[in-house]
C-alpha atoms as a PDB file:
ATOM      1  CA  MET A   1      21.062  -7.267  -4.072  1.00  0.00           C
ATOM      2  CA  ARG A   2      21.397  -3.689  -5.276  1.00  0.00           C
ATOM      3  CA  LEU A   3      17.671  -2.955  -5.098  1.00  0.00           C
ATOM      4  CA  ALA A   4      15.324  -2.691  -2.143  1.00  0.00           C
ATOM      5  CA  VAL A   5      12.971  -5.645  -1.801  1.00  0.00           C
ATOM      6  CA  ASN A   6       9.214  -5.354  -1.275  1.00  0.00           C
ATOM      7  CA  THR A   7       9.405  -2.249  -3.437  1.00  0.00           C
ATOM      8  CA  ILE A   8       8.026  -1.346  -6.844  1.00  0.00           C
ATOM      9  CA  HIS A   9      10.812   0.554  -8.568  1.00  0.00           C
ATOM     10  CA  CYS A  10       9.708   3.187 -11.061  1.00  0.00           C
ATOM     11  CA  MET A  11      12.080   2.333 -13.892  1.00  0.00           C
ATOM     12  CA  ASP A  12      12.390   0.488 -17.177  1.00  0.00           C
ATOM     13  CA  CYS A  13      12.602  -3.240 -16.480  1.00  0.00           C
ATOM     14  CA  LEU A  14      15.647  -3.835 -18.683  1.00  0.00           C
ATOM     15  CA  GLN A  15      17.543  -1.214 -16.696  1.00  0.00           C
ATOM     16  CA  GLY A  16      16.206  -2.649 -13.463  1.00  0.00           C
ATOM     17  CA  LEU A  17      17.161  -6.222 -14.321  1.00  0.00           C
ATOM     18  CA  LYS A  18      20.773  -5.108 -14.691  1.00  0.00           C
ATOM     19  CA  ARG A  19      20.691  -4.126 -11.018  1.00  0.00           C
ATOM     20  CA  VAL A  20      19.451  -7.510  -9.813  1.00  0.00           C
ATOM     21  CA  ASP A  21      22.193  -9.939  -8.795  1.00  0.00           C
ATOM     22  CA  PRO A  22      22.504 -13.068 -10.957  1.00  0.00           C
ATOM     23  CA  GLU A  23      20.550 -16.163  -9.885  1.00  0.00           C
ATOM     24  CA  THR A  24      18.746 -14.521  -6.969  1.00  0.00           C
ATOM     25  CA  ILE A  25      15.124 -14.729  -8.143  1.00  0.00           C
ATOM     26  CA  ASP A  26      13.000 -17.794  -7.362  1.00  0.00           C
ATOM     27  CA  VAL A  27       9.894 -16.924  -9.366  1.00  0.00           C
ATOM     28  CA  ILE A  28       9.103 -14.426 -12.110  1.00  0.00           C
ATOM     29  CA  VAL A  29       5.424 -13.733 -12.720  1.00  0.00           C
ATOM     30  CA  THR A  30       4.509 -11.106 -15.270  1.00  0.00           C
ATOM     31  CA  SER A  31       2.225  -9.985 -18.045  1.00  0.00           C
ATOM     32  CA  PRO A  32       3.914  -7.644 -20.519  1.00  0.00           C
ATOM     33  CA  PRO A  33       2.070  -5.383 -22.953  1.00  0.00           C
ATOM     34  CA  TYR A  34       0.683  -7.512 -25.778  1.00  0.00           C
ATOM     35  CA  ASN A  35       1.312  -4.930 -28.517  1.00  0.00           C
ATOM     36  CA  ILE A  36      -2.371  -4.801 -29.442  1.00  0.00           C
ATOM     37  CA  GLY A  37      -3.038  -1.098 -28.970  1.00  0.00           C
ATOM     38  CA  LYS A  38      -4.276  -1.043 -25.372  1.00  0.00           C
ATOM     39  CA  GLN A  39      -4.627   2.448 -23.880  1.00  0.00           C
ATOM     40  CA  TYR A  40      -2.060   2.585 -21.102  1.00  0.00           C
ATOM     41  CA  HIS A  41      -1.554   5.792 -19.146  1.00  0.00           C
ATOM     42  CA  MET A  42       1.930   6.364 -20.553  1.00  0.00           C
ATOM     43  CA  TYR A  43       3.226   3.412 -22.604  1.00  0.00           C
ATOM     44  CA  LYS A  44       2.387   3.257 -26.321  1.00  0.00           C
ATOM     45  CA  ASP A  45       1.207  -0.305 -26.912  1.00  0.00           C
ATOM     46  CA  ILE A  46       1.908  -0.475 -30.608  1.00  0.00           C
ATOM     47  CA  ARG A  47       5.329  -1.158 -32.098  1.00  0.00           C
ATOM     48  CA  PRO A  48       6.493  -2.682 -35.346  1.00  0.00           C
ATOM     49  CA  ARG A  49       6.102  -6.448 -34.851  1.00  0.00           C
ATOM     50  CA  GLU A  50       9.791  -7.392 -35.108  1.00  0.00           C
ATOM     51  CA  GLU A  51      10.835  -4.531 -32.842  1.00  0.00           C
ATOM     52  CA  TYR A  52       8.347  -5.699 -30.233  1.00  0.00           C
ATOM     53  CA  LEU A  53       9.486  -9.326 -30.458  1.00  0.00           C
ATOM     54  CA  ASP A  54      13.144  -8.268 -30.272  1.00  0.00           C
ATOM     55  CA  TRP A  55      12.284  -6.362 -27.091  1.00  0.00           C
ATOM     56  CA  MET A  56      10.567  -9.409 -25.599  1.00  0.00           C
ATOM     57  CA  GLU A  57      13.609 -11.525 -26.394  1.00  0.00           C
ATOM     58  CA  GLN A  58      15.776  -9.029 -24.533  1.00  0.00           C
ATOM     59  CA  ILE A  59      13.470  -9.512 -21.536  1.00  0.00           C
ATOM     60  CA  ALA A  60      13.921 -13.280 -21.853  1.00  0.00           C
ATOM     61  CA  LYS A  61      17.718 -13.005 -21.859  1.00  0.00           C
ATOM     62  CA  ALA A  62      17.903 -10.534 -18.981  1.00  0.00           C
ATOM     63  CA  SER A  63      15.432 -12.459 -16.844  1.00  0.00           C
ATOM     64  CA  LYS A  64      17.261 -15.734 -17.333  1.00  0.00           C
ATOM     65  CA  THR A  65      20.380 -14.166 -15.842  1.00  0.00           C
ATOM     66  CA  VAL A  66      18.652 -13.239 -12.570  1.00  0.00           C
ATOM     67  CA  LEU A  67      16.542 -16.413 -12.246  1.00  0.00           C
ATOM     68  CA  LYS A  68      17.847 -19.257 -10.087  1.00  0.00           C
ATOM     69  CA  ASN A  69      18.655 -22.535 -11.819  1.00  0.00           C
ATOM     70  CA  LYS A  70      15.575 -24.113 -10.214  1.00  0.00           C
ATOM     71  CA  GLY A  71      13.447 -21.017 -10.659  1.00  0.00           C
ATOM     72  CA  SER A  72      10.181 -20.587 -12.574  1.00  0.00           C
ATOM     73  CA  PHE A  73       9.118 -17.902 -15.030  1.00  0.00           C
ATOM     74  CA  PHE A  74       5.336 -17.621 -15.481  1.00  0.00           C
ATOM     75  CA  LEU A  75       4.543 -15.491 -18.532  1.00  0.00           C
ATOM     76  CA  ASN A  76       0.937 -14.423 -19.105  1.00  0.00           C
ATOM     77  CA  VAL A  77       0.369 -13.362 -22.713  1.00  0.00           C
ATOM     78  CA  SER A  78      -2.444 -13.329 -25.217  1.00  0.00           C
ATOM     79  CA  GLY A  79      -3.438 -11.725 -28.485  1.00  0.00           C
ATOM     80  CA  LYS A  80      -6.692 -10.461 -29.884  1.00  0.00           C
ATOM     81  CA  PRO A  81      -9.301 -12.108 -32.121  1.00  0.00           C
ATOM     82  CA  THR A  82      -7.834 -10.468 -35.225  1.00  0.00           C
ATOM     83  CA  ASP A  83      -4.244 -11.419 -34.290  1.00  0.00           C
ATOM     84  CA  LEU A  84      -3.941 -14.738 -32.476  1.00  0.00           C
ATOM     85  CA  TRP A  85      -0.254 -15.293 -33.261  1.00  0.00           C
ATOM     86  CA  ILE A  86       1.176 -12.805 -30.761  1.00  0.00           C
ATOM     87  CA  ALA A  87       1.469 -15.180 -27.800  1.00  0.00           C
ATOM     88  CA  LEU A  88       2.958 -17.920 -29.978  1.00  0.00           C
ATOM     89  CA  ASP A  89       5.409 -15.513 -31.614  1.00  0.00           C
ATOM     90  CA  ILE A  90       6.628 -14.479 -28.148  1.00  0.00           C
ATOM     91  CA  VAL A  91       7.063 -18.100 -27.093  1.00  0.00           C
ATOM     92  CA  GLN A  92       9.222 -18.746 -30.133  1.00  0.00           C
ATOM     93  CA  ARG A  93      11.525 -15.916 -29.030  1.00  0.00           C
ATOM     94  CA  PHE A  94      11.784 -17.463 -25.551  1.00  0.00           C
ATOM     95  CA  ARG A  95      12.498 -20.901 -27.023  1.00  0.00           C
ATOM     96  CA  ASP A  96      16.243 -20.356 -27.439  1.00  0.00           C
ATOM     97  CA  HIS A  97      16.605 -19.279 -23.809  1.00  0.00           C
ATOM     98  CA  TYR A  98      14.174 -21.366 -21.764  1.00  0.00           C
ATOM     99  CA  VAL A  99      12.528 -24.768 -21.610  1.00  0.00           C
ATOM    100  CA  LEU A 100       8.729 -24.611 -21.829  1.00  0.00           C
ATOM    101  CA  GLN A 101       7.876 -26.874 -18.894  1.00  0.00           C
ATOM    102  CA  ASN A 102       4.109 -26.277 -18.755  1.00  0.00           C
ATOM    103  CA  THR A 103       1.441 -24.434 -20.720  1.00  0.00           C
ATOM    104  CA  ILE A 104      -1.429 -23.234 -18.540  1.00  0.00           C
ATOM    105  CA  HIS A 105      -4.730 -21.980 -19.902  1.00  0.00           C
ATOM    106  CA  TRP A 106      -6.215 -19.128 -17.886  1.00  0.00           C
ATOM    107  CA  VAL A 107      -9.972 -19.437 -18.422  1.00  0.00           C
ATOM    108  CA  LYS A 108     -11.682 -16.116 -17.728  1.00  0.00           C
ATOM    109  CA  SER A 109     -15.205 -17.169 -18.609  1.00  0.00           C
ATOM    110  CA  ILE A 110     -16.841 -20.519 -19.222  1.00  0.00           C
ATOM    111  CA  ALA A 111     -20.274 -21.905 -20.071  1.00  0.00           C
ATOM    112  CA  ILE A 112     -21.151 -25.545 -19.263  1.00  0.00           C
ATOM    113  CA  PRO A 113     -24.562 -27.073 -19.992  1.00  0.00           C
ATOM    114  CA  LYS A 114     -25.992 -29.129 -17.131  1.00  0.00           C
ATOM    115  CA  GLN A 115     -26.097 -32.245 -19.328  1.00  0.00           C
ATOM    116  CA  ASP A 116     -22.300 -32.076 -19.743  1.00  0.00           C
ATOM    117  CA  VAL A 117     -21.565 -31.714 -16.031  1.00  0.00           C
ATOM    118  CA  GLY A 118     -22.772 -35.087 -14.864  1.00  0.00           C
ATOM    119  CA  ASN A 119     -25.187 -36.150 -12.161  1.00  0.00           C
ATOM    120  CA  TYR A 120     -24.251 -34.081  -9.128  1.00  0.00           C
ATOM    121  CA  ASP A 121     -26.811 -32.805  -6.614  1.00  0.00           C
ATOM    122  CA  THR A 122     -24.917 -29.559  -6.119  1.00  0.00           C
ATOM    123  CA  ILE A 123     -25.192 -28.613  -9.814  1.00  0.00           C
ATOM    124  CA  THR A 124     -28.812 -28.152 -10.784  1.00  0.00           C
ATOM    125  CA  ASP A 125     -28.680 -26.013 -13.935  1.00  0.00           C
ATOM    126  CA  ASP A 126     -26.474 -24.763 -16.757  1.00  0.00           C
ATOM    127  CA  ILE A 127     -23.370 -22.867 -15.616  1.00  0.00           C
ATOM    128  CA  ALA A 128     -22.144 -19.620 -17.145  1.00  0.00           C
ATOM    129  CA  VAL A 129     -19.597 -17.737 -15.048  1.00  0.00           C
ATOM    130  CA  GLY A 130     -16.852 -15.182 -15.583  1.00  0.00           C
ATOM    131  CA  HIS A 131     -16.311 -11.987 -17.542  1.00  0.00           C
ATOM    132  CA  TYR A 132     -14.735 -11.251 -20.903  1.00  0.00           C
ATOM    133  CA  GLN A 133     -14.648  -8.453 -23.439  1.00  0.00           C
ATOM    134  CA  PRO A 134     -17.193  -9.372 -26.134  1.00  0.00           C
ATOM    135  CA  VAL A 135     -16.140  -9.025 -29.756  1.00  0.00           C
ATOM    136  CA  ASN A 136     -18.569  -7.427 -32.186  1.00  0.00           C
ATOM    137  CA  SER A 137     -17.910  -9.621 -35.195  1.00  0.00           C
ATOM    138  CA  ASN A 138     -19.486 -12.267 -37.404  1.00  0.00           C
ATOM    139  CA  ARG A 139     -16.062 -13.855 -37.989  1.00  0.00           C
ATOM    140  CA  TYR A 140     -14.337 -14.083 -34.609  1.00  0.00           C
ATOM    141  CA  LEU A 141     -15.108 -15.645 -31.246  1.00  0.00           C
ATOM    142  CA  SER A 142     -14.818 -13.672 -28.020  1.00  0.00           C
ATOM    143  CA  ASN A 143     -11.526 -14.405 -26.308  1.00  0.00           C
ATOM    144  CA  CYS A 144     -12.341 -16.091 -22.971  1.00  0.00           C
ATOM    145  CA  HIS A 145      -8.865 -17.501 -22.413  1.00  0.00           C
ATOM    146  CA  GLU A 146      -5.223 -16.452 -22.116  1.00  0.00           C
ATOM    147  CA  PHE A 147      -1.954 -18.365 -21.907  1.00  0.00           C
ATOM    148  CA  ILE A 148       0.325 -18.679 -18.915  1.00  0.00           C
ATOM    149  CA  PHE A 149       3.603 -20.175 -20.126  1.00  0.00           C
ATOM    150  CA  HIS A 150       5.711 -21.788 -17.414  1.00  0.00           C
ATOM    151  CA  PHE A 151       9.361 -21.507 -18.402  1.00  0.00           C
ATOM    152  CA  THR A 152      12.325 -22.982 -16.548  1.00  0.00           C
ATOM    153  CA  LYS A 153      16.017 -23.228 -17.323  1.00  0.00           C
ATOM    154  CA  THR A 154      16.170 -27.024 -17.336  1.00  0.00           C
ATOM    155  CA  GLY A 155      12.633 -28.380 -17.677  1.00  0.00           C
ATOM    156  CA  ASP A 156      12.959 -30.514 -14.528  1.00  0.00           C
ATOM    157  CA  VAL A 157      11.921 -28.065 -11.799  1.00  0.00           C
ATOM    158  CA  THR A 158       9.798 -29.732  -9.118  1.00  0.00           C
ATOM    159  CA  ILE A 159       6.405 -28.085  -8.595  1.00  0.00           C
ATOM    160  CA  ASP A 160       3.775 -28.336  -5.850  1.00  0.00           C
ATOM    161  CA  GLN A 161       0.586 -29.319  -7.680  1.00  0.00           C
ATOM    162  CA  LEU A 162      -1.479 -29.905  -4.543  1.00  0.00           C
ATOM    163  CA  ALA A 163      -0.728 -26.405  -3.262  1.00  0.00           C
ATOM    164  CA  ILE A 164      -3.384 -25.283  -5.762  1.00  0.00           C
ATOM    165  CA  GLY A 165      -5.269 -28.567  -5.691  1.00  0.00           C
ATOM    166  CA  VAL A 166      -9.043 -29.050  -5.763  1.00  0.00           C
ATOM    167  CA  LYS A 167     -11.395 -31.520  -4.124  1.00  0.00           C
ATOM    168  CA  TYR A 168     -12.660 -34.502  -6.070  1.00  0.00           C
ATOM    169  CA  GLN A 169     -16.158 -34.026  -7.463  1.00  0.00           C
ATOM    170  CA  ASP A 170     -16.498 -37.814  -7.562  1.00  0.00           C
ATOM    171  CA  LYS A 171     -15.328 -39.030  -4.148  1.00  0.00           C
ATOM    172  CA  THR A 172     -14.988 -42.614  -5.418  1.00  0.00           C
ATOM    173  CA  ASN A 173     -11.725 -41.506  -7.003  1.00  0.00           C
ATOM    174  CA  ILE A 174     -10.159 -41.187  -3.551  1.00  0.00           C
ATOM    175  CA  GLY A 175      -8.050 -44.288  -3.112  1.00  0.00           C
ATOM    176  CA  ARG A 176      -8.542 -45.434  -6.700  1.00  0.00           C
ATOM    177  CA  TRP A 177      -5.071 -44.196  -7.659  1.00  0.00           C
ATOM    178  CA  LYS A 178      -1.927 -44.615  -5.600  1.00  0.00           C
ATOM    179  CA  THR A 179      -1.490 -40.872  -5.272  1.00  0.00           C
ATOM    180  CA  ALA A 180      -5.160 -40.231  -4.455  1.00  0.00           C
ATOM    181  CA  ASN A 181      -4.974 -40.818  -0.705  1.00  0.00           C
ATOM    182  CA  LYS A 182      -6.995 -37.737   0.293  1.00  0.00           C
ATOM    183  CA  ASP A 183      -9.735 -35.517  -1.088  1.00  0.00           C
ATOM    184  CA  LEU A 184      -7.372 -33.354  -3.103  1.00  0.00           C
ATOM    185  CA  ARG A 185      -6.160 -33.643  -6.673  1.00  0.00           C
ATOM    186  CA  GLY A 186      -4.039 -31.617  -9.028  1.00  0.00           C
ATOM    187  CA  ARG A 187      -5.843 -28.832 -10.870  1.00  0.00           C
ATOM    188  CA  GLY A 188      -4.167 -29.561 -14.174  1.00  0.00           C
ATOM    189  CA  ASN A 189      -3.348 -26.881 -16.729  1.00  0.00           C
ATOM    190  CA  THR A 190      -6.768 -25.202 -16.995  1.00  0.00           C
ATOM    191  CA  TRP A 191      -7.254 -22.520 -14.370  1.00  0.00           C
ATOM    192  CA  PHE A 192     -10.583 -20.744 -14.045  1.00  0.00           C
ATOM    193  CA  ILE A 193      -9.771 -17.335 -12.582  1.00  0.00           C
ATOM    194  CA  PRO A 194     -12.565 -14.828 -13.158  1.00  0.00           C
ATOM    195  CA  TYR A 195     -12.295 -11.079 -12.948  1.00  0.00           C
ATOM    196  CA  THR A 196     -14.194  -9.523 -10.076  1.00  0.00           C
ATOM    197  CA  THR A 197     -17.247  -7.515 -11.071  1.00  0.00           C
ATOM    198  CA  ILE A 198     -16.602  -3.764 -11.104  1.00  0.00           C
ATOM    199  CA  ARG A 199     -18.925  -0.815 -11.664  1.00  0.00           C
ATOM    200  CA  ASN A 200     -16.387   1.701 -12.966  1.00  0.00           C
ATOM    201  CA  ALA A 201     -13.735   1.570 -15.689  1.00  0.00           C
ATOM    202  CA  ARG A 202     -10.503  -0.151 -14.705  1.00  0.00           C
ATOM    203  CA  SER A 203      -7.593   2.125 -13.842  1.00  0.00           C
ATOM    204  CA  HIS A 204      -5.254  -0.121 -15.847  1.00  0.00           C
ATOM    205  CA  PRO A 205      -6.354  -1.715 -19.143  1.00  0.00           C
ATOM    206  CA  THR A 206      -4.783  -5.137 -18.640  1.00  0.00           C
ATOM    207  CA  VAL A 207      -4.620  -5.790 -14.899  1.00  0.00           C
ATOM    208  CA  PHE A 208      -4.798  -9.482 -14.014  1.00  0.00           C
ATOM    209  CA  PRO A 209      -6.526 -10.878 -10.898  1.00  0.00           C
ATOM    210  CA  VAL A 210      -4.322 -11.208  -7.801  1.00  0.00           C
ATOM    211  CA  LYS A 211      -5.251 -14.892  -7.694  1.00  0.00           C
ATOM    212  CA  LEU A 212      -3.288 -15.513 -10.907  1.00  0.00           C
ATOM    213  CA  PRO A 213       0.210 -14.700  -9.535  1.00  0.00           C
ATOM    214  CA  GLU A 214      -0.825 -16.214  -6.210  1.00  0.00           C
ATOM    215  CA  MET A 215      -1.502 -19.559  -7.876  1.00  0.00           C
ATOM    216  CA  CYS A 216       1.717 -19.377  -9.908  1.00  0.00           C
ATOM    217  CA  ILE A 217       3.802 -18.781  -6.782  1.00  0.00           C
ATOM    218  CA  LYS A 218       2.059 -21.589  -4.902  1.00  0.00           C
ATOM    219  CA  LEU A 219       2.534 -23.968  -7.836  1.00  0.00           C
ATOM    220  CA  HIS A 220       6.263 -23.301  -7.885  1.00  0.00           C
ATOM    221  CA  GLY A 221       6.307 -23.968  -4.153  1.00  0.00           C
ATOM    222  CA  ILE A 222       6.568 -21.440  -1.347  1.00  0.00           C
ATOM    223  CA  ARG A 223       9.924 -21.698   0.352  1.00  0.00           C
ATOM    224  CA  ARG A 224      11.735 -19.810   3.069  1.00  0.00           C
ATOM    225  CA  ASP A 225      13.444 -16.591   1.922  1.00  0.00           C
ATOM    226  CA  MET A 226      12.090 -16.820  -1.622  1.00  0.00           C
ATOM    227  CA  LEU A 227      12.072 -13.762  -3.872  1.00  0.00           C
ATOM    228  CA  VAL A 228       9.532 -13.018  -6.601  1.00  0.00           C
ATOM    229  CA  LEU A 229      10.030 -10.599  -9.492  1.00  0.00           C
ATOM    230  CA  ASP A 230       7.530  -8.869 -11.772  1.00  0.00           C
ATOM    231  CA  PRO A 231       9.219  -6.786 -14.509  1.00  0.00           C
ATOM    232  CA  PHE A 232       5.857  -5.262 -15.557  1.00  0.00           C
ATOM    233  CA  MET A 233       4.207  -4.625 -12.205  1.00  0.00           C
ATOM    234  CA  GLY A 234       1.394  -2.350 -13.387  1.00  0.00           C
ATOM    235  CA  THR A 235      -0.977  -1.637 -10.514  1.00  0.00           C
ATOM    236  CA  GLY A 236       0.555  -4.305  -8.297  1.00  0.00           C
ATOM    237  CA  SER A 237      -1.250  -7.644  -8.680  1.00  0.00           C
ATOM    238  CA  THR A 238       1.954  -9.674  -8.209  1.00  0.00           C
ATOM    239  CA  ALA A 239       3.075  -7.517  -5.270  1.00  0.00           C
ATOM    240  CA  LEU A 240      -0.326  -7.941  -3.615  1.00  0.00           C
ATOM    241  CA  ALA A 241      -0.127 -11.713  -4.077  1.00  0.00           C
ATOM    242  CA  CYS A 242       3.344 -11.779  -2.524  1.00  0.00           C
ATOM    243  CA  GLN A 243       2.276  -9.657   0.422  1.00  0.00           C
ATOM    244  CA  LYS A 244      -0.702 -11.947   0.964  1.00  0.00           C
ATOM    245  CA  LEU A 245       1.511 -15.052   0.856  1.00  0.00           C
ATOM    246  CA  GLY A 246       4.265 -13.554   3.014  1.00  0.00           C
ATOM    247  CA  VAL A 247       7.038 -13.696   0.398  1.00  0.00           C
ATOM    248  CA  ASP A 248       9.376 -10.941  -0.741  1.00  0.00           C
ATOM    249  CA  PHE A 249       9.099  -9.258  -4.117  1.00  0.00           C
ATOM    250  CA  ILE A 250      10.769  -6.801  -6.460  1.00  0.00           C
ATOM    251  CA  GLY A 251       8.815  -4.988  -9.137  1.00  0.00           C
ATOM    252  CA  PHE A 252       9.514  -2.630 -12.025  1.00  0.00           C
ATOM    253  CA  GLU A 253       7.011  -0.224 -13.549  1.00  0.00           C
ATOM    254  CA  ILE A 254       7.746   2.782 -15.767  1.00  0.00           C
ATOM    255  CA  ASP A 255       4.528   4.660 -14.968  1.00  0.00           C
ATOM    256  CA  LYS A 256       4.596   6.486 -11.632  1.00  0.00           C
ATOM    257  CA  THR A 257       0.793   6.737 -11.673  1.00  0.00           C
ATOM    258  CA  TYR A 258       0.482   2.951 -11.641  1.00  0.00           C
ATOM    259  CA  VAL A 259       3.203   2.688  -8.972  1.00  0.00           C
ATOM    260  CA  GLY A 260       1.195   5.058  -6.796  1.00  0.00           C
ATOM    261  CA  MET A 261      -1.961   2.980  -7.292  1.00  0.00           C
ATOM    262  CA  ALA A 262      -0.097  -0.210  -6.434  1.00  0.00           C
ATOM    263  CA  ASN A 263       1.439   1.257  -3.277  1.00  0.00           C
ATOM    264  CA  LYS A 264      -1.994   2.418  -2.137  1.00  0.00           C
ATOM    265  CA  GLU A 265      -3.420  -1.073  -2.637  1.00  0.00           C
ATOM    266  CA  LEU A 266      -0.480  -2.613  -0.767  1.00  0.00           C
ATOM    267  CA  ALA A 267      -0.964  -0.245   2.174  1.00  0.00           C
ATOM    268  CA  GLU A 268      -4.678  -1.029   2.343  1.00  0.00           C
ATOM    269  CA  GLN A 269      -4.063  -4.780   2.199  1.00  0.00           C
ATOM    270  CA  GLU A 270      -1.374  -4.543   4.878  1.00  0.00           C
ATOM    271  CA  LYS A 271      -3.821  -2.710   7.125  1.00  0.00           C
ATOM    272  CA  GLU A 272      -6.472  -5.382   6.541  1.00  0.00           C
ATOM    273  CA  GLN A 273      -3.987  -8.151   7.312  1.00  0.00           C
ATOM    274  CA  ALA A 274      -2.963  -6.438  10.535  1.00  0.00           C
ATOM    275  CA  HIS A 275      -6.573  -5.859  11.612  1.00  0.00           C
ATOM    276  CA  PRO A 276      -8.765  -8.546  10.051  1.00  0.00           C
ATOM    277  CA  HIS A 277     -12.515  -8.244  10.525  1.00  0.00           C
END
């Protein structure tokens, strides 16, 4: 490895990927710019469509070189109400280089009427939880969901579903199926991961919750000496997840301001882990 691990390197990811040894990365978790005009500190998030997609395909090719044969690439992408094709256009560019093993739906906000939940004592009213950016339109719905595409090289990578499992709401299901021998079932491909409530504007326009990369890494399966890569580290969500889980990481980020923010968060989390309340 020609790069220090557990470090966010302030460099372009395509240049950085050239410095990573082939087939050394176990998991890639990332969320690139969506090309929808977000106001980053330095990067201009608007390119001609084909130029942007060509760039994303370069990322696909370079990342495949460094990923292990049994590795996983979790790609979080979305569009905007007026342009819903972006995520699907990106996936088409990845199609010639990866197998799409799973499609996960990251649900950021959800509303469930009590009558649709079922008869459970713990749920007494309608449920409406999570945050999203409302759209001021009489044509489009607010976007409460994003994709997480799980790519692998072969399509037959074993995953650890119960590592992110949930308890059965209906306990009679325990023992009903051969695999249901305890109060834990697979979560499936819909993941409710809400943003935390904040009072001030976010320092980064598209930061994802730390729980998102944490769940991706757990789903792949935490193994000894594993290495996680995020080519678009931003303010460090993937690095924070890795530090929390005790696995090594490498990150790339072109904006030194975001690198500084991420390193500050990592230092604070490390201090909390060393001296828990």
